[in-house]
Amino acid sequence: MLTLVTGATGEVGRRFVPRLLARTAPGDAVRVLVRDEERGAPAAALGAQVAVGKLRDPEAVRKALAGVDTVLNIAAAFRGVPDEEAWAVNRDAALELGRGAVEAGAGRFVQVSTNLVYGAGRGRPAVEDDEPLPGSPMWGAYPASKSEAERGLLALHREHGLDVRIGRLAFVYGEGDPHLAQSLRWEGGWAGHRRLTMVHHADVAQGLLRLLRAPGAAGRVYNIADDAPVSAVELHQLNGVELPAGMAGRPLDDPWEGVVSTARIRDELGFGPRYPSVWTAWDAGAL
């Protein structure tokens, strides 16, 4: 089996690819699509094949897909990019990659998405069958573009038989990832008891590996998250920052907003987080 990974040099990809390579069976191989040889050097040193090119370059993508059995699309344009780039990378490039996978004869496609596609709270933890309602101005075009990519890729599953699996990640942290500190950019304006569902990089890897290899998961969507959403107050404490004035008195319309259920991935794929909460990771020195 040959697996192509995009986004291999991002915060998620550069932590996931070494774990994938360490768990690749003899005779199987991993190929990464990167912008230049230098970016691919760390993965190459661990045994990955390196395909050079941009995700938005159709010719480079076609070459990278040659002989591939499985595609794992981690690539994403998130905070700090214009909306046009978010749409181009998160939706357009993902769908072109999916169509290219069909043409190349790849049998499986794992799309990394986000639980931000759920949008506003529903009075309970969000589940995978909920209709996506992206649109918060806080995140720009990121959630909507990811939601549209999901929709288009699942259409390829129905129309062309591509085995599409989607993993919706919670807020990713751990292993030196700056996301935890960056969260204070917006959480300072939250109600103190508003919560954020999180997932450690080790459990991102566990979830994605299960999606890659599980039988019978075609066309399925899975939330990948830990067990204990963390409050805005706790995030300030974790970062060693004083609480903003008035945080405790701010209203919160729905205490379940931003919280997701992991019942499906537990029941169907046997997922169980290594770090059930950010405090577990804190105690382990894994932040």
Protein backbone atom coordinates (compact mmCIF):
# COMPACT_ATOMS: atom_id res chain seq x y z
CA MET A 1 0.00 0.00 0.00
CA LEU A 2 1.21 3.48 -0.90
CA THR A 3 -0.27 6.38 1.08
CA LEU A 4 -0.02 10.00 -0.06
CA VAL A 5 -0.10 12.66 2.67
CA THR A 6 -0.67 16.34 2.01
CA GLY A 7 -0.03 19.04 4.60
CA ALA A 8 2.90 17.04 5.93
CA THR A 9 4.82 20.12 7.11
CA GLY A 10 2.00 21.83 9.03
CA GLU A 11 1.37 21.63 12.76
CA VAL A 12 -0.69 18.45 12.43
CA GLY A 13 1.15 16.87 9.51
CA ARG A 14 4.70 17.14 10.82
CA ARG A 15 3.67 15.41 14.04
CA PHE A 16 1.52 12.81 12.31
CA VAL A 17 3.83 11.67 9.50
CA PRO A 18 6.54 10.25 11.80
CA ARG A 19 3.87 8.26 13.64
CA LEU A 20 2.46 6.99 10.35
CA LEU A 21 5.90 5.95 9.14
CA ALA A 22 6.62 4.18 12.42
CA ARG A 23 3.43 2.14 11.95
CA THR A 24 3.81 1.38 8.25
CA ALA A 25 4.07 -2.32 7.51
CA PRO A 26 7.05 -3.77 5.61
CA GLY A 27 6.48 -3.37 1.89
CA ASP A 28 4.13 -0.41 2.34
CA ALA A 29 5.22 3.17 1.72
CA VAL A 30 4.34 6.78 2.52
CA ARG A 31 4.68 9.67 0.08
CA VAL A 32 4.44 13.32 1.12
CA LEU A 33 3.55 16.22 -1.16
CA VAL A 34 5.65 19.26 -0.19
CA ARG A 35 6.51 22.57 -1.80
CA ASP A 36 10.25 21.90 -1.99
CA GLU A 37 12.84 19.25 -1.18
CA GLU A 38 14.01 21.06 1.95
CA ARG A 39 10.55 20.92 3.51
CA GLY A 40 10.37 17.21 2.78
CA ALA A 41 13.81 16.39 4.21
CA PRO A 42 12.63 15.43 7.73
CA ALA A 43 10.06 12.99 6.34
CA ALA A 44 12.55 11.65 3.79
CA ALA A 45 15.04 10.98 6.60
CA LEU A 46 12.40 8.77 8.22
CA GLY A 47 11.79 6.83 5.01
CA ALA A 48 9.07 8.75 3.19
CA GLN A 49 8.99 9.30 -0.54
CA VAL A 50 8.93 13.00 -1.42
CA ALA A 51 6.83 14.51 -4.19
CA VAL A 52 7.61 18.18 -4.82
CA GLY A 53 4.85 20.56 -5.85
CA LYS A 54 1.99 22.69 -4.66
CA LEU A 55 -1.41 21.27 -3.81
CA ARG A 56 -3.00 23.79 -6.17
CA ASP A 57 -0.82 22.67 -9.09
CA PRO A 58 -2.82 20.01 -11.00
CA GLU A 59 0.24 18.56 -12.72
CA ALA A 60 2.16 18.20 -9.46
CA VAL A 61 -0.85 16.55 -7.84
CA ARG A 62 -1.28 14.17 -10.75
CA LYS A 63 2.34 13.04 -10.45
CA ALA A 64 2.08 12.70 -6.67
CA LEU A 65 -0.99 10.47 -7.06
CA ALA A 66 0.67 8.00 -9.42
CA GLY A 67 0.42 4.51 -7.97
CA VAL A 68 -1.23 5.69 -4.74
CA ASP A 69 -3.69 3.46 -2.90
CA THR A 70 -4.75 5.85 -0.12
CA VAL A 71 -4.82 9.64 0.22
CA LEU A 72 -4.72 11.50 3.52
CA ASN A 73 -5.50 15.18 3.03
CA ILE A 74 -4.26 17.14 6.06
CA ALA A 75 -3.49 20.34 4.13
CA ALA A 76 -5.44 23.39 5.28
CA ALA A 77 -5.42 27.18 5.17
CA PHE A 78 -6.60 28.46 8.52
CA ARG A 79 -6.01 31.57 10.61
CA GLY A 80 -4.43 34.65 9.09
CA VAL A 81 -5.11 33.87 5.42
CA PRO A 82 -7.51 35.72 3.08
CA ASP A 83 -10.87 34.06 2.54
CA GLU A 84 -10.02 33.46 -1.11
CA GLU A 85 -7.02 31.35 -0.08
CA ALA A 86 -9.09 29.42 2.43
CA TRP A 87 -11.61 28.52 -0.28
CA ALA A 88 -8.85 27.70 -2.78
CA VAL A 89 -6.99 25.33 -0.45
CA ASN A 90 -9.68 23.91 1.80
CA ARG A 91 -12.39 23.35 -0.78
CA ASP A 92 -11.11 23.64 -4.35
CA ALA A 93 -7.78 21.88 -3.91
CA ALA A 94 -9.34 19.17 -1.74
CA LEU A 95 -11.97 18.41 -4.37
CA GLU A 96 -9.39 18.38 -7.17
CA LEU A 97 -7.34 15.98 -5.06
CA GLY A 98 -10.39 13.77 -4.62
CA ARG A 99 -11.13 13.76 -8.33
CA GLY A 100 -7.49 13.04 -9.03
CA ALA A 101 -7.62 10.12 -6.61
CA VAL A 102 -10.55 8.66 -8.52
CA GLU A 103 -8.71 9.02 -11.84
CA ALA A 104 -5.53 7.51 -10.39
CA GLY A 105 -7.41 4.50 -9.05
CA ALA A 106 -6.81 5.22 -5.38
CA GLY A 107 -9.31 3.31 -3.30
CA ARG A 108 -9.43 5.36 -0.12
CA PHE A 109 -9.46 9.06 0.77
CA VAL A 110 -9.26 10.39 4.33
CA GLN A 111 -10.19 14.05 4.67
CA VAL A 112 -9.10 15.98 7.75
CA SER A 113 -11.79 18.48 8.67
CA THR A 114 -12.81 20.48 11.73
CA ASN A 115 -15.56 20.43 14.33
CA LEU A 116 -16.03 24.14 13.57
CA VAL A 117 -18.34 23.03 10.75
CA TYR A 118 -21.07 22.53 13.37
CA GLY A 119 -21.38 26.23 14.04
CA ALA A 120 -23.56 27.45 16.90
CA GLY A 121 -24.47 25.16 19.76
CA ARG A 122 -27.48 22.85 19.69
CA GLY A 123 -28.16 22.48 23.42
CA ARG A 124 -26.15 19.24 23.49
CA PRO A 125 -22.84 17.91 22.17
CA ALA A 126 -22.75 17.99 18.36
CA VAL A 127 -22.88 14.64 16.57
CA GLU A 128 -21.74 13.71 13.11
CA ASP A 129 -25.25 13.50 11.63
CA ASP A 130 -26.00 17.12 12.54
CA GLU A 131 -26.32 19.40 9.52
CA PRO A 132 -23.22 21.63 9.35
CA LEU A 133 -23.93 25.27 10.16
CA PRO A 134 -20.62 27.08 9.71
CA GLY A 135 -20.55 30.85 9.66
CA SER A 136 -18.98 32.36 12.77
CA PRO A 137 -17.05 35.50 11.74
CA MET A 138 -14.40 34.52 14.29
CA TRP A 139 -13.02 31.83 11.97
CA GLY A 140 -13.44 33.47 8.56
CA ALA A 141 -14.04 31.14 5.61
CA TYR A 142 -12.27 28.18 7.22
CA PRO A 143 -15.31 26.27 8.57
CA ALA A 144 -17.48 26.91 5.49
CA SER A 145 -14.72 25.90 3.08
CA LYS A 146 -14.07 22.70 5.03
CA SER A 147 -17.77 21.92 5.11
CA GLU A 148 -18.05 22.34 1.35
CA ALA A 149 -15.04 20.07 0.85
CA GLU A 150 -16.73 17.39 2.96
CA ARG A 151 -19.91 17.70 0.91
CA GLY A 152 -18.06 17.40 -2.40
CA LEU A 153 -15.89 14.49 -1.33
CA LEU A 154 -18.87 12.54 -0.01
CA ALA A 155 -20.48 13.11 -3.41
CA LEU A 156 -17.44 11.44 -4.99
CA HIS A 157 -18.01 8.53 -2.63
CA ARG A 158 -21.61 8.16 -3.75
CA GLU A 159 -21.04 8.76 -7.45
CA HIS A 160 -17.66 7.11 -8.06
CA GLY A 161 -17.22 4.66 -5.21
CA LEU A 162 -14.24 6.44 -3.66
CA ASP A 163 -13.91 5.23 -0.06
CA VAL A 164 -14.09 8.62 1.65
CA ARG A 165 -13.68 8.94 5.43
CA ILE A 166 -13.81 12.29 7.23
CA GLY A 167 -12.21 13.13 10.57
CA ARG A 168 -13.42 16.33 12.24
CA LEU A 169 -10.70 17.48 14.61
CA ALA A 170 -11.35 19.42 17.77
CA PHE A 171 -8.93 22.22 18.79
CA VAL A 172 -5.50 20.62 18.40
CA TYR A 173 -2.74 21.15 20.95
CA GLY A 174 0.34 19.55 22.53
CA GLU A 175 3.99 18.76 21.83
CA GLY A 176 4.98 22.41 21.56
CA ASP A 177 2.15 23.38 19.20
CA PRO A 178 1.55 27.15 19.60
CA HIS A 179 -2.24 26.75 19.33
CA LEU A 180 -2.67 26.69 23.10
CA ALA A 181 -1.08 30.12 23.51
CA GLN A 182 -2.76 31.45 20.37
CA SER A 183 -6.18 30.56 21.78
CA LEU A 184 -5.96 33.59 24.07
CA ARG A 185 -6.41 35.84 21.04
CA TRP A 186 -10.14 35.19 21.11
CA GLU A 187 -10.89 33.50 24.44
CA GLY A 188 -10.21 36.70 26.35
CA GLY A 189 -13.60 37.88 25.12
CA TRP A 190 -15.47 34.70 26.05
CA ALA A 191 -17.59 33.98 29.07
CA GLY A 192 -15.43 32.30 31.68
CA HIS A 193 -17.48 29.10 31.60
CA ARG A 194 -17.56 28.75 27.81
CA ARG A 195 -15.80 25.54 26.89
CA LEU A 196 -13.57 24.40 24.06
CA THR A 197 -13.32 20.78 22.93
CA MET A 198 -9.68 19.85 22.43
CA VAL A 199 -7.55 16.97 21.18
CA HIS A 200 -3.86 16.24 21.70
CA HIS A 201 -1.63 15.52 18.71
CA ALA A 202 -1.10 11.98 19.96
CA ASP A 203 -4.84 11.40 19.78
CA VAL A 204 -5.15 13.14 16.43
CA ALA A 205 -2.68 10.55 15.17
CA GLN A 206 -4.57 7.71 16.83
CA GLY A 207 -7.85 8.83 15.30
CA LEU A 208 -6.45 9.33 11.81
CA LEU A 209 -4.66 5.98 11.85
CA ARG A 210 -7.93 4.31 12.77
CA LEU A 211 -9.71 6.13 9.94
CA LEU A 212 -6.99 5.08 7.50
CA ARG A 213 -7.18 1.38 8.32
CA ALA A 214 -10.61 0.51 9.66
CA PRO A 215 -12.81 -1.72 7.51
CA GLY A 216 -16.36 -0.66 6.82
CA ALA A 217 -15.91 3.09 7.40
CA ALA A 218 -16.56 4.28 3.84
CA GLY A 219 -18.72 7.39 3.71
CA ARG A 220 -18.52 7.89 7.47
CA VAL A 221 -17.71 11.05 9.44
CA TYR A 222 -16.03 10.95 12.85
CA ASN A 223 -15.37 13.53 15.56
CA ILE A 224 -11.85 13.23 16.97
CA ALA A 225 -11.63 14.81 20.41
CA ASP A 226 -10.74 14.20 24.03
CA ASP A 227 -13.19 13.56 26.86
CA ALA A 228 -13.16 16.85 28.76
CA PRO A 229 -13.77 20.23 27.10
CA VAL A 230 -11.80 22.97 28.84
CA SER A 231 -13.21 26.31 29.95
CA ALA A 232 -11.94 29.75 28.98
CA VAL A 233 -10.90 30.25 32.62
CA GLU A 234 -8.81 27.08 32.54
CA LEU A 235 -7.17 28.05 29.25
CA HIS A 236 -5.99 31.27 30.84
CA GLN A 237 -4.69 29.29 33.80
CA LEU A 238 -2.86 26.85 31.53
CA ASN A 239 -1.18 29.77 29.79
CA GLY A 240 -0.29 31.45 33.08
CA VAL A 241 -2.31 34.56 32.22
CA GLU A 242 -4.56 36.59 34.52
CA LEU A 243 -8.28 36.45 33.84
CA PRO A 244 -9.70 39.44 31.93
CA ALA A 245 -11.92 41.73 33.93
CA GLY A 246 -15.59 40.83 33.66
CA MET A 247 -15.04 37.33 32.24
CA ALA A 248 -16.97 35.66 35.05
CA GLY A 249 -20.08 37.76 34.44
CA ARG A 250 -20.39 37.39 30.69
CA PRO A 251 -23.51 35.59 29.44
CA LEU A 252 -23.40 32.29 27.57
CA ASP A 253 -26.51 31.37 25.59
CA ASP A 254 -25.64 27.72 25.12
CA PRO A 255 -23.10 25.98 27.40
CA TRP A 256 -22.80 23.18 24.82
CA GLU A 257 -21.59 25.39 21.99
CA GLY A 258 -18.30 24.04 20.67
CA VAL A 259 -18.67 20.67 22.41
CA VAL A 260 -18.83 17.46 20.38
CA SER A 261 -19.63 13.82 21.01
CA THR A 262 -17.04 11.09 20.39
CA ALA A 263 -19.47 8.21 20.84
CA ARG A 264 -19.29 7.17 17.16
CA ILE A 265 -15.51 6.89 16.89
CA ARG A 266 -15.40 5.06 20.20
CA ASP A 267 -18.12 2.60 19.27
CA GLU A 268 -17.15 1.99 15.65
CA LEU A 269 -13.36 2.40 15.61
CA GLY A 270 -12.33 1.69 19.21
CA PHE A 271 -10.91 5.17 19.82
CA GLY A 272 -9.99 6.14 23.38
CA PRO A 273 -7.85 9.23 24.02
CA ARG A 274 -4.39 8.77 25.45
CA TYR A 275 -4.87 12.22 26.97
CA PRO A 276 -8.51 12.40 28.10
CA SER A 277 -8.07 16.05 29.07
CA VAL A 278 -5.58 18.87 28.66
CA TRP A 279 -4.81 18.47 32.37
CA THR A 280 -3.74 14.87 31.76
CA ALA A 281 -1.34 16.16 29.12
CA TRP A 282 -0.18 18.85 31.55
CA ASP A 283 0.63 16.24 34.19
CA ALA A 284 2.50 14.17 31.58
CA GLY A 285 4.57 17.13 30.39
CA ALA A 286 3.08 16.72 26.92
CA LEU A 287 1.94 20.29 26.26
